[in-house]
Amino acid sequence: MPSHALGALGWSKPWSDDAGGACVEAKKLHDGRVALRQSTDPDGPALVFGTNEMTRFLASVKAGDADFLC
């Protein structure tokens, strides 16, 4: 979905690099879904996840299931 369709307000940067460029921005939507976008492309696409999808994803990351990516 285009990020601009979700509005400009309410985006936060909970994950960013130390170089100040590549940041993932997140926004909790009114219906509970979570949108993610690239901060350097605020008019680009956003990935939108349902509440259950995001809950499972975060639990999996916390459990170490994504450690192989680092």
PDB file of N, CA and C in Angstrom:
ATOM      1  N   MET A   1       0.849  -1.166   0.000  1.00  0.00           N
ATOM      2  CA  MET A   1       0.000   0.000   0.000  1.00  0.00           C
ATOM      3  C   MET A   1       0.899   1.234   0.000  1.00  0.00           C
ATOM      4  N   PRO A   2       0.535   2.300  -0.674  1.00  0.00           N
ATOM      5  CA  PRO A   2       1.346   3.520  -0.655  1.00  0.00           C
ATOM      6  C   PRO A   2       1.354   4.147   0.740  1.00  0.00           C
ATOM      7  N   SER A   3       2.526   4.515   1.213  1.00  0.00           N
ATOM      8  CA  SER A   3       2.644   5.110   2.556  1.00  0.00           C
ATOM      9  C   SER A   3       1.807   6.369   2.703  1.00  0.00           C
ATOM     10  N   HIS A   4       1.764   7.180   1.659  1.00  0.00           N
ATOM     11  CA  HIS A   4       1.029   8.444   1.764  1.00  0.00           C
ATOM     12  C   HIS A   4      -0.461   8.215   2.014  1.00  0.00           C
ATOM     13  N   ALA A   5      -0.976   7.040   1.656  1.00  0.00           N
ATOM     14  CA  ALA A   5      -2.381   6.726   1.908  1.00  0.00           C
ATOM     15  C   ALA A   5      -2.666   6.546   3.399  1.00  0.00           C
ATOM     16  N   LEU A   6      -1.599   6.357   4.187  1.00  0.00           N
ATOM     17  CA  LEU A   6      -1.747   6.160   5.633  1.00  0.00           C
ATOM     18  C   LEU A   6      -1.548   7.449   6.416  1.00  0.00           C
ATOM     19  N   GLY A   7      -1.273   8.549   5.738  1.00  0.00           N
ATOM     20  CA  GLY A   7      -1.080   9.836   6.392  1.00  0.00           C
ATOM     21  C   GLY A   7       0.363  10.061   6.809  1.00  0.00           C
ATOM     22  N   ALA A   8       0.690  11.312   7.030  1.00  0.00           N
ATOM     23  CA  ALA A   8       2.064  11.697   7.370  1.00  0.00           C
ATOM     24  C   ALA A   8       2.331  11.660   8.872  1.00  0.00           C
ATOM     25  N   LEU A   9       1.301  11.740   9.682  1.00  0.00           N
ATOM     26  CA  LEU A   9       1.478  11.800  11.135  1.00  0.00           C
ATOM     27  C   LEU A   9       1.446  10.410  11.764  1.00  0.00           C
ATOM     28  N   GLY A  10       2.127  10.269  12.888  1.00  0.00           N
ATOM     29  CA  GLY A  10       2.053   9.037  13.669  1.00  0.00           C
ATOM     30  C   GLY A  10       3.140   8.028  13.396  1.00  0.00           C
ATOM     31  N   TRP A  11       4.056   8.313  12.482  1.00  0.00           N
ATOM     32  CA  TRP A  11       5.152   7.389  12.201  1.00  0.00           C
ATOM     33  C   TRP A  11       6.248   7.579  13.237  1.00  0.00           C
ATOM     34  N   SER A  12       6.834   6.481  13.700  1.00  0.00           N
ATOM     35  CA  SER A  12       7.954   6.563  14.639  1.00  0.00           C
ATOM     36  C   SER A  12       9.117   5.740  14.094  1.00  0.00           C
ATOM     37  N   LYS A  13      10.306   5.987  14.629  1.00  0.00           N
ATOM     38  CA  LYS A  13      11.518   5.297  14.175  1.00  0.00           C
ATOM     39  C   LYS A  13      12.101   4.465  15.310  1.00  0.00           C
ATOM     40  N   PRO A  14      11.463   3.342  15.646  1.00  0.00           N
ATOM     41  CA  PRO A  14      11.999   2.520  16.737  1.00  0.00           C
ATOM     42  C   PRO A  14      13.272   1.778  16.350  1.00  0.00           C
ATOM     43  N   TRP A  15      13.535   1.646  15.056  1.00  0.00           N
ATOM     44  CA  TRP A  15      14.750   0.971  14.583  1.00  0.00           C
ATOM     45  C   TRP A  15      15.462   1.899  13.629  1.00  0.00           C
ATOM     46  N   SER A  16      16.710   2.219  13.917  1.00  0.00           N
ATOM     47  CA  SER A  16      17.484   3.038  12.991  1.00  0.00           C
ATOM     48  C   SER A  16      18.949   2.682  13.113  1.00  0.00           C
ATOM     49  N   ASP A  17      19.692   3.014  12.078  1.00  0.00           N
ATOM     50  CA  ASP A  17      21.124   2.760  12.146  1.00  0.00           C
ATOM     51  C   ASP A  17      21.833   3.971  12.750  1.00  0.00           C
ATOM     52  N   ASP A  18      23.076   3.802  13.114  1.00  0.00           N
ATOM     53  CA  ASP A  18      23.835   4.888  13.731  1.00  0.00           C
ATOM     54  C   ASP A  18      24.290   5.924  12.717  1.00  0.00           C
ATOM     55  N   ALA A  19      24.237   5.594  11.444  1.00  0.00           N
ATOM     56  CA  ALA A  19      24.686   6.515  10.402  1.00  0.00           C
ATOM     57  C   ALA A  19      23.628   7.576  10.087  1.00  0.00           C
ATOM     58  N   GLY A  20      22.431   7.406  10.614  1.00  0.00           N
ATOM     59  CA  GLY A  20      21.385   8.404  10.423  1.00  0.00           C
ATOM     60  C   GLY A  20      20.689   8.356   9.077  1.00  0.00           C
ATOM     61  N   GLY A  21      20.785   7.249   8.360  1.00  0.00           N
ATOM     62  CA  GLY A  21      20.165   7.194   7.043  1.00  0.00           C
ATOM     63  C   GLY A  21      19.048   6.187   6.932  1.00  0.00           C
ATOM     64  N   ALA A  22      19.366   4.929   7.111  1.00  0.00           N
ATOM     65  CA  ALA A  22      18.408   3.859   6.880  1.00  0.00           C
ATOM     66  C   ALA A  22      17.613   3.558   8.148  1.00  0.00           C
ATOM     67  N   CYS A  23      16.380   3.970   8.159  1.00  0.00           N
ATOM     68  CA  CYS A  23      15.514   3.741   9.321  1.00  0.00           C
ATOM     69  C   CYS A  23      14.232   3.053   8.869  1.00  0.00           C
ATOM     70  N   VAL A  24      13.753   2.175   9.701  1.00  0.00           N
ATOM     71  CA  VAL A  24      12.438   1.585   9.493  1.00  0.00           C
ATOM     72  C   VAL A  24      11.470   2.364  10.374  1.00  0.00           C
ATOM     73  N   GLU A  25      10.426   2.884   9.774  1.00  0.00           N
ATOM     74  CA  GLU A  25       9.414   3.614  10.522  1.00  0.00           C
ATOM     75  C   GLU A  25       8.190   2.729  10.709  1.00  0.00           C
ATOM     76  N   ALA A  26       7.553   2.858  11.853  1.00  0.00           N
ATOM     77  CA  ALA A  26       6.373   2.061  12.173  1.00  0.00           C
ATOM     78  C   ALA A  26       5.217   2.983  12.552  1.00  0.00           C
ATOM     79  N   LYS A  27       4.023   2.522  12.241  1.00  0.00           N
ATOM     80  CA  LYS A  27       2.819   3.273  12.597  1.00  0.00           C
ATOM     81  C   LYS A  27       1.733   2.281  12.968  1.00  0.00           C
ATOM     82  N   LYS A  28       1.139   2.466  14.131  1.00  0.00           N
ATOM     83  CA  LYS A  28       0.004   1.637  14.528  1.00  0.00           C
ATOM     84  C   LYS A  28      -1.254   2.287  13.975  1.00  0.00           C
ATOM     85  N   LEU A  29      -1.992   1.539  13.195  1.00  0.00           N
ATOM     86  CA  LEU A  29      -3.195   2.064  12.570  1.00  0.00           C
ATOM     87  C   LEU A  29      -4.386   1.951  13.521  1.00  0.00           C
ATOM     88  N   HIS A  30      -5.424   2.707  13.237  1.00  0.00           N
ATOM     89  CA  HIS A  30      -6.597   2.757  14.117  1.00  0.00           C
ATOM     90  C   HIS A  30      -7.252   1.400  14.332  1.00  0.00           C
ATOM     91  N   ASP A  31      -7.144   0.515  13.360  1.00  0.00           N
ATOM     92  CA  ASP A  31      -7.778  -0.798  13.481  1.00  0.00           C
ATOM     93  C   ASP A  31      -6.855  -1.848  14.113  1.00  0.00           C
ATOM     94  N   GLY A  32      -5.686  -1.414  14.614  1.00  0.00           N
ATOM     95  CA  GLY A  32      -4.768  -2.321  15.291  1.00  0.00           C
ATOM     96  C   GLY A  32      -3.660  -2.867  14.417  1.00  0.00           C
ATOM     97  N   ARG A  33      -3.785  -2.727  13.090  1.00  0.00           N
ATOM     98  CA  ARG A  33      -2.720  -3.191  12.215  1.00  0.00           C
ATOM     99  C   ARG A  33      -1.485  -2.311  12.387  1.00  0.00           C
ATOM    100  N   VAL A  34      -0.336  -2.817  11.920  1.00  0.00           N
ATOM    101  CA  VAL A  34       0.923  -2.089  12.006  1.00  0.00           C
ATOM    102  C   VAL A  34       1.480  -1.924  10.603  1.00  0.00           C
ATOM    103  N   ALA A  35       1.874  -0.694  10.278  1.00  0.00           N
ATOM    104  CA  ALA A  35       2.485  -0.403   8.980  1.00  0.00           C
ATOM    105  C   ALA A  35       3.965  -0.123   9.182  1.00  0.00           C
ATOM    106  N   LEU A  36       4.795  -0.601   8.253  1.00  0.00           N
ATOM    107  CA  LEU A  36       6.231  -0.349   8.256  1.00  0.00           C
ATOM    108  C   LEU A  36       6.622   0.252   6.917  1.00  0.00           C
ATOM    109  N   ARG A  37       7.542   1.234   6.954  1.00  0.00           N
ATOM    110  CA  ARG A  37       8.040   1.840   5.724  1.00  0.00           C
ATOM    111  C   ARG A  37       9.495   2.244   5.899  1.00  0.00           C
ATOM    112  N   GLN A  38      10.158   2.512   4.788  1.00  0.00           N
ATOM    113  CA  GLN A  38      11.536   2.980   4.786  1.00  0.00           C
ATOM    114  C   GLN A  38      11.529   4.496   4.950  1.00  0.00           C
ATOM    115  N   SER A  39      12.261   5.019   5.928  1.00  0.00           N
ATOM    116  CA  SER A  39      12.217   6.452   6.213  1.00  0.00           C
ATOM    117  C   SER A  39      12.768   7.297   5.069  1.00  0.00           C
ATOM    118  N   THR A  40      13.698   6.756   4.298  1.00  0.00           N
ATOM    119  CA  THR A  40      14.264   7.526   3.191  1.00  0.00           C
ATOM    120  C   THR A  40      13.332   7.577   1.982  1.00  0.00           C
ATOM    121  N   ASP A  41      12.225   6.864   2.039  1.00  0.00           N
ATOM    122  CA  ASP A  41      11.243   6.850   0.957  1.00  0.00           C
ATOM    123  C   ASP A  41       9.834   6.949   1.534  1.00  0.00           C
ATOM    124  N   PRO A  42       9.521   8.087   2.199  1.00  0.00           N
ATOM    125  CA  PRO A  42       8.230   8.200   2.886  1.00  0.00           C
ATOM    126  C   PRO A  42       7.018   8.152   1.963  1.00  0.00           C
ATOM    127  N   ASP A  43       7.210   8.351   0.677  1.00  0.00           N
ATOM    128  CA  ASP A  43       6.096   8.255  -0.256  1.00  0.00           C
ATOM    129  C   ASP A  43       6.054   6.899  -0.955  1.00  0.00           C
ATOM    130  N   GLY A  44       6.992   6.026  -0.605  1.00  0.00           N
ATOM    131  CA  GLY A  44       7.054   4.701  -1.197  1.00  0.00           C
ATOM    132  C   GLY A  44       6.054   3.755  -0.550  1.00  0.00           C
ATOM    133  N   PRO A  45       6.250   2.468  -0.747  1.00  0.00           N
ATOM    134  CA  PRO A  45       5.300   1.485  -0.227  1.00  0.00           C
ATOM    135  C   PRO A  45       5.426   1.268   1.278  1.00  0.00           C
ATOM    136  N   ALA A  46       4.347   0.841   1.861  1.00  0.00           N
ATOM    137  CA  ALA A  46       4.330   0.425   3.268  1.00  0.00           C
ATOM    138  C   ALA A  46       3.848  -1.019   3.323  1.00  0.00           C
ATOM    139  N   LEU A  47       4.452  -1.780   4.195  1.00  0.00           N
ATOM    140  CA  LEU A  47       3.979  -3.137   4.463  1.00  0.00           C
ATOM    141  C   LEU A  47       3.020  -3.047   5.640  1.00  0.00           C
ATOM    142  N   VAL A  48       1.853  -3.637   5.517  1.00  0.00           N
ATOM    143  CA  VAL A  48       0.849  -3.563   6.573  1.00  0.00           C
ATOM    144  C   VAL A  48       0.601  -4.973   7.098  1.00  0.00           C
ATOM    145  N   PHE A  49       0.734  -5.116   8.416  1.00  0.00           N
ATOM    146  CA  PHE A  49       0.591  -6.412   9.078  1.00  0.00           C
ATOM    147  C   PHE A  49      -0.577  -6.376  10.047  1.00  0.00           C
ATOM    148  N   GLY A  50      -1.310  -7.475  10.102  1.00  0.00           N
ATOM    149  CA  GLY A  50      -2.381  -7.612  11.078  1.00  0.00           C
ATOM    150  C   GLY A  50      -1.816  -7.747  12.482  1.00  0.00           C
ATOM    151  N   THR A  51      -2.666  -7.557  13.467  1.00  0.00           N
ATOM    152  CA  THR A  51      -2.226  -7.642  14.860  1.00  0.00           C
ATOM    153  C   THR A  51      -1.627  -9.004  15.178  1.00  0.00           C
ATOM    154  N   ASN A  52      -2.279 -10.077  14.759  1.00  0.00           N
ATOM    155  CA  ASN A  52      -1.757 -11.420  15.031  1.00  0.00           C
ATOM    156  C   ASN A  52      -0.432 -11.661  14.328  1.00  0.00           C
ATOM    157  N   GLU A  53      -0.313 -11.195  13.096  1.00  0.00           N
ATOM    158  CA  GLU A  53       0.942 -11.351  12.355  1.00  0.00           C
ATOM    159  C   GLU A  53       2.092 -10.653  13.069  1.00  0.00           C
ATOM    160  N   MET A  54       1.857  -9.426  13.505  1.00  0.00           N
ATOM    161  CA  MET A  54       2.916  -8.660  14.165  1.00  0.00           C
ATOM    162  C   MET A  54       3.252  -9.265  15.521  1.00  0.00           C
ATOM    163  N   THR A  55       2.262  -9.718  16.246  1.00  0.00           N
ATOM    164  CA  THR A  55       2.502 -10.348  17.547  1.00  0.00           C
ATOM    165  C   THR A  55       3.360 -11.602  17.386  1.00  0.00           C
ATOM    166  N   ARG A  56       3.024 -12.443  16.409  1.00  0.00           N
ATOM    167  CA  ARG A  56       3.818 -13.656  16.158  1.00  0.00           C
ATOM    168  C   ARG A  56       5.228 -13.323  15.695  1.00  0.00           C
ATOM    169  N   PHE A  57       5.361 -12.331  14.830  1.00  0.00           N
ATOM    170  CA  PHE A  57       6.675 -11.922  14.345  1.00  0.00           C
ATOM    171  C   PHE A  57       7.554 -11.445  15.500  1.00  0.00           C
ATOM    172  N   LEU A  58       7.044 -10.549  16.329  1.00  0.00           N
ATOM    173  CA  LEU A  58       7.842 -10.018  17.437  1.00  0.00           C
ATOM    174  C   LEU A  58       8.192 -11.103  18.452  1.00  0.00           C
ATOM    175  N   ALA A  59       7.268 -12.006  18.732  1.00  0.00           N
ATOM    176  CA  ALA A  59       7.559 -13.114  19.654  1.00  0.00           C
ATOM    177  C   ALA A  59       8.662 -13.999  19.085  1.00  0.00           C
ATOM    178  N   SER A  60       8.629 -14.232  17.785  1.00  0.00           N
ATOM    179  CA  SER A  60       9.639 -15.059  17.130  1.00  0.00           C
ATOM    180  C   SER A  60      11.012 -14.395  17.177  1.00  0.00           C
ATOM    181  N   VAL A  61      11.048 -13.098  16.933  1.00  0.00           N
ATOM    182  CA  VAL A  61      12.317 -12.366  17.012  1.00  0.00           C
ATOM    183  C   VAL A  61      12.858 -12.399  18.430  1.00  0.00           C
ATOM    184  N   LYS A  62      12.000 -12.161  19.412  1.00  0.00           N
ATOM    185  CA  LYS A  62      12.434 -12.191  20.810  1.00  0.00           C
ATOM    186  C   LYS A  62      12.938 -13.567  21.209  1.00  0.00           C
ATOM    187  N   ALA A  63      12.394 -14.610  20.609  1.00  0.00           N
ATOM    188  CA  ALA A  63      12.804 -15.985  20.919  1.00  0.00           C
ATOM    189  C   ALA A  63      14.121 -16.357  20.235  1.00  0.00           C
ATOM    190  N   GLY A  64      14.629 -15.468  19.381  1.00  0.00           N
ATOM    191  CA  GLY A  64      15.902 -15.725  18.729  1.00  0.00           C
ATOM    192  C   GLY A  64      15.804 -16.375  17.363  1.00  0.00           C
ATOM    193  N   ASP A  65      14.591 -16.530  16.849  1.00  0.00           N
ATOM    194  CA  ASP A  65      14.420 -17.215  15.573  1.00  0.00           C
ATOM    195  C   ASP A  65      15.021 -16.456  14.386  1.00  0.00           C
ATOM    196  N   ALA A  66      15.302 -15.167  14.548  1.00  0.00           N
ATOM    197  CA  ALA A  66      15.888 -14.381  13.454  1.00  0.00           C
ATOM    198  C   ALA A  66      17.365 -14.084  13.684  1.00  0.00           C
ATOM    199  N   ASP A  67      17.959 -14.679  14.694  1.00  0.00           N
ATOM    200  CA  ASP A  67      19.359 -14.386  14.996  1.00  0.00           C
ATOM    201  C   ASP A  67      20.303 -14.722  13.851  1.00  0.00           C
ATOM    202  N   PHE A  68      19.920 -15.662  12.990  1.00  0.00           N
ATOM    203  CA  PHE A  68      20.774 -16.043  11.871  1.00  0.00           C
ATOM    204  C   PHE A  68      20.948 -14.883  10.880  1.00  0.00           C
ATOM    205  N   LEU A  69      20.094 -13.859  10.958  1.00  0.00           N
ATOM    206  CA  LEU A  69      20.194 -12.728  10.046  1.00  0.00           C
ATOM    207  C   LEU A  69      21.292 -11.740  10.441  1.00  0.00           C
ATOM    208  N   CYS A  70      21.768 -11.852  11.663  1.00  0.00           N
ATOM    209  CA  CYS A  70      22.792 -10.914  12.165  1.00  0.00           C
ATOM    210  C   CYS A  70      24.186 -11.498  12.055  1.00  0.00           C
TER     211      CYS A  70
END
